Amino acid sequence: MVYNRQADGSLQSLPNKNVDTGMGFERILAAINGFDNVYETDVLKPILDRVQEIAGDNFQLRSGRIITDHIRTAVHMISDGVFPKNVDQGYILRRLIRRAIREMYGMGHEEVFVAELGKMFIDIYGEVFEGVRSREQEILQVLEKEEKAFGRTLKK
C-alpha cells in the first residue's frame, strides 16, 4: 500500500509503505502454530467445540465453521457500531446472524445460542479490541434480539 485516498478523491503518499498479504490474525496464528486451518487455533477452537457440544450427534463441521465465523464477524461489526437493518452494512450483519441460526437449526438445535457464543468471543477478543469489551452489553443485546426475532419468523 502506497497511498491514502482523501475525502476529495486525491491520493496522498503514506509515510510508510507496506504490503497487505491478506493474512488476518487467525491465519497468522494458524501458520505460526503449524495448524492446517484457523479453526484449530485457540481463538476459534473453543467456539467450534461449543457449537459441537450444542449440536450433539447432529454436528456438521461445515455448519460449525460457518456459525463460528459468522458470529465472530457479527461481534466485531456490532462493536464497530453496525446494527441489523434491511440496508447496507446492517443488512449484511443481519444475514450473517441469520445464516448462523439457520445452520444451527439445520443441525436440529432450535434453542437460543447466539449470545452465548458472542460472549465467548467477547471474552477472547475483549482484551485486544477495546470496542468489543466496552460494548459488551450492547453486542449481547443486539445478538439476542435478532435471534429471538428470527426464531419467531422461522417457527411461523
Protein backbone atom coordinates (compact mmCIF):
# COMPACT_ATOMS: atom_id res chain seq x y z
CA MET A 1 0.00 0.00 0.00
CA VAL A 2 1.39 3.32 -1.03
CA TYR A 3 -1.42 5.90 -0.90
CA ASN A 4 -4.18 7.14 1.36
CA ARG A 5 -7.24 8.29 -0.61
CA GLN A 6 -8.54 11.60 0.72
CA ALA A 7 -12.22 12.59 1.00
CA ASP A 8 -11.90 14.67 -2.19
CA GLY A 9 -10.58 11.65 -4.10
CA SER A 10 -6.97 12.75 -4.25
CA LEU A 11 -4.15 10.42 -3.21
CA GLN A 12 -1.65 11.21 -0.51
CA SER A 13 1.57 9.21 -0.13
CA LEU A 14 1.73 7.14 3.04
CA PRO A 15 4.72 7.82 5.30
CA ASN A 16 5.41 4.05 5.47
CA LYS A 17 4.83 1.74 2.50
CA ASN A 18 3.68 -1.82 3.20
CA VAL A 19 2.34 -4.98 1.64
CA ASP A 20 -1.00 -6.44 2.69
CA THR A 21 -0.65 -10.21 2.49
CA GLY A 22 -4.31 -10.87 3.21
CA MET A 23 -3.30 -12.99 6.19
CA GLY A 24 -5.53 -11.94 9.03
CA PHE A 25 -4.74 -12.56 12.67
CA GLU A 26 -6.20 -16.07 12.73
CA ARG A 27 -4.30 -17.16 9.60
CA ILE A 28 -1.02 -15.91 11.02
CA LEU A 29 -1.78 -17.69 14.30
CA ALA A 30 -2.55 -20.93 12.45
CA ALA A 31 0.65 -20.70 10.39
CA ILE A 32 2.84 -19.96 13.41
CA ASN A 33 1.37 -22.92 15.31
CA GLY A 34 1.53 -25.29 12.34
CA PHE A 35 -2.22 -25.83 12.12
CA ASP A 36 -3.95 -26.78 8.89
CA ASN A 37 -6.73 -24.22 9.38
CA VAL A 38 -7.79 -21.31 11.57
CA TYR A 39 -10.43 -23.36 13.38
CA GLU A 40 -7.68 -25.27 15.20
CA THR A 41 -6.32 -22.11 16.87
CA ASP A 42 -7.06 -21.29 20.49
CA VAL A 43 -9.04 -18.31 19.26
CA LEU A 44 -11.63 -20.23 17.23
CA LYS A 45 -11.40 -23.83 18.52
CA PRO A 46 -13.26 -23.16 21.81
CA ILE A 47 -16.19 -21.69 19.88
CA LEU A 48 -16.28 -24.52 17.34
CA ASP A 49 -16.08 -27.03 20.19
CA ARG A 50 -19.03 -25.34 21.92
CA VAL A 51 -21.05 -25.43 18.69
CA GLN A 52 -20.30 -29.15 18.50
CA GLU A 53 -21.48 -29.61 22.10
CA ILE A 54 -24.71 -27.74 21.39
CA ALA A 55 -25.42 -29.64 18.16
CA GLY A 56 -24.50 -33.00 19.66
CA ASP A 57 -24.77 -36.01 17.36
CA ASN A 58 -26.12 -33.84 14.53
CA PHE A 59 -22.93 -31.74 14.37
CA GLN A 60 -21.63 -30.99 10.88
CA LEU A 61 -18.15 -29.49 10.58
CA ARG A 62 -19.04 -27.16 7.69
CA SER A 63 -22.03 -25.74 9.57
CA GLY A 64 -19.98 -25.39 12.75
CA ARG A 65 -17.34 -23.39 10.90
CA ILE A 66 -19.96 -21.15 9.30
CA ILE A 67 -21.55 -20.46 12.69
CA THR A 68 -18.17 -19.77 14.32
CA ASP A 69 -17.06 -17.41 11.57
CA HIS A 70 -20.38 -15.57 11.27
CA ILE A 71 -20.82 -14.94 15.00
CA ARG A 72 -17.21 -13.71 15.29
CA THR A 73 -17.82 -11.28 12.43
CA ALA A 74 -21.13 -10.15 13.92
CA VAL A 75 -19.49 -9.38 17.27
CA HIS A 76 -16.88 -7.19 15.58
CA MET A 77 -19.41 -5.45 13.34
CA ILE A 78 -21.65 -4.56 16.28
CA SER A 79 -18.64 -3.33 18.27
CA ASP A 80 -17.90 -1.04 15.31
CA GLY A 81 -21.42 0.42 15.51
CA VAL A 82 -23.24 -1.61 12.85
CA PHE A 83 -26.73 -2.82 13.76
CA PRO A 84 -29.08 -5.26 11.99
CA LYS A 85 -31.12 -3.43 9.36
CA ASN A 86 -32.53 -4.07 5.93
CA VAL A 87 -29.93 -1.93 4.11
CA ASP A 88 -26.17 -1.56 3.71
CA GLN A 89 -23.84 -2.99 6.39
CA GLY A 90 -26.80 -3.63 8.68
CA TYR A 91 -28.26 -5.97 6.07
CA ILE A 92 -25.00 -7.92 5.87
CA LEU A 93 -24.89 -8.18 9.66
CA ARG A 94 -28.48 -9.42 9.76
CA ARG A 95 -27.73 -12.03 7.08
CA LEU A 96 -24.64 -13.26 8.95
CA ILE A 97 -26.55 -13.74 12.19
CA ARG A 98 -29.50 -15.38 10.45
CA ARG A 99 -27.27 -17.73 8.46
CA ALA A 100 -25.64 -18.88 11.70
CA ILE A 101 -29.06 -19.51 13.19
CA ARG A 102 -30.25 -21.44 10.11
CA GLU A 103 -27.12 -23.59 10.19
CA MET A 104 -27.77 -24.48 13.83
CA TYR A 105 -31.43 -25.21 13.07
CA GLY A 106 -30.19 -27.47 10.27
CA MET A 107 -28.31 -29.48 12.89
CA GLY A 108 -31.52 -29.87 14.90
CA HIS A 109 -30.93 -27.21 17.57
CA GLU A 110 -33.71 -24.62 17.78
CA GLU A 111 -32.91 -23.04 21.16
CA VAL A 112 -31.09 -19.71 21.62
CA PHE A 113 -27.31 -19.87 21.40
CA VAL A 114 -26.02 -16.79 19.56
CA ALA A 115 -25.50 -14.55 22.60
CA GLU A 116 -23.65 -17.36 24.39
CA LEU A 117 -21.20 -17.68 21.52
CA GLY A 118 -20.99 -13.90 21.28
CA LYS A 119 -20.00 -13.76 24.94
CA MET A 120 -17.27 -16.33 24.31
CA PHE A 121 -15.88 -14.15 21.51
CA ILE A 122 -16.05 -11.06 23.71
CA ASP A 123 -14.02 -12.91 26.33
CA ILE A 124 -11.45 -13.95 23.73
CA TYR A 125 -11.12 -10.65 21.85
CA GLY A 126 -12.07 -8.18 24.59
CA GLU A 127 -8.53 -7.56 25.78
CA VAL A 128 -7.22 -6.88 22.29
CA PHE A 129 -10.15 -4.93 20.82
CA GLU A 130 -11.35 -2.24 23.23
CA GLY A 131 -14.66 -1.75 21.42
CA VAL A 132 -15.56 -5.38 21.91
CA ARG A 133 -15.15 -5.18 25.69
CA SER A 134 -16.61 -1.68 26.17
CA ARG A 135 -19.74 -2.52 24.12
CA GLU A 136 -20.23 -6.00 25.57
CA GLN A 137 -23.79 -5.49 26.83
CA GLU A 138 -24.87 -3.80 23.62
CA ILE A 139 -23.39 -6.61 21.49
CA LEU A 140 -25.14 -9.29 23.53
CA GLN A 141 -28.46 -7.44 23.48
CA VAL A 142 -28.32 -6.99 19.70
CA LEU A 143 -27.46 -10.66 19.15
CA GLU A 144 -30.20 -11.83 21.49
CA LYS A 145 -32.82 -9.54 19.99
CA GLU A 146 -32.00 -10.57 16.42
CA GLU A 147 -32.01 -14.27 17.29
CA LYS A 148 -35.35 -14.06 19.07
CA ALA A 149 -36.95 -12.13 16.19
CA PHE A 150 -35.62 -14.52 13.57
CA GLY A 151 -36.56 -17.52 15.71
CA ARG A 152 -40.17 -16.35 15.72
CA THR A 153 -40.04 -15.97 11.95
CA LEU A 154 -38.63 -19.48 11.48
CA LYS A 155 -41.26 -21.02 13.74
CA LYS A 156 -44.04 -19.40 11.67
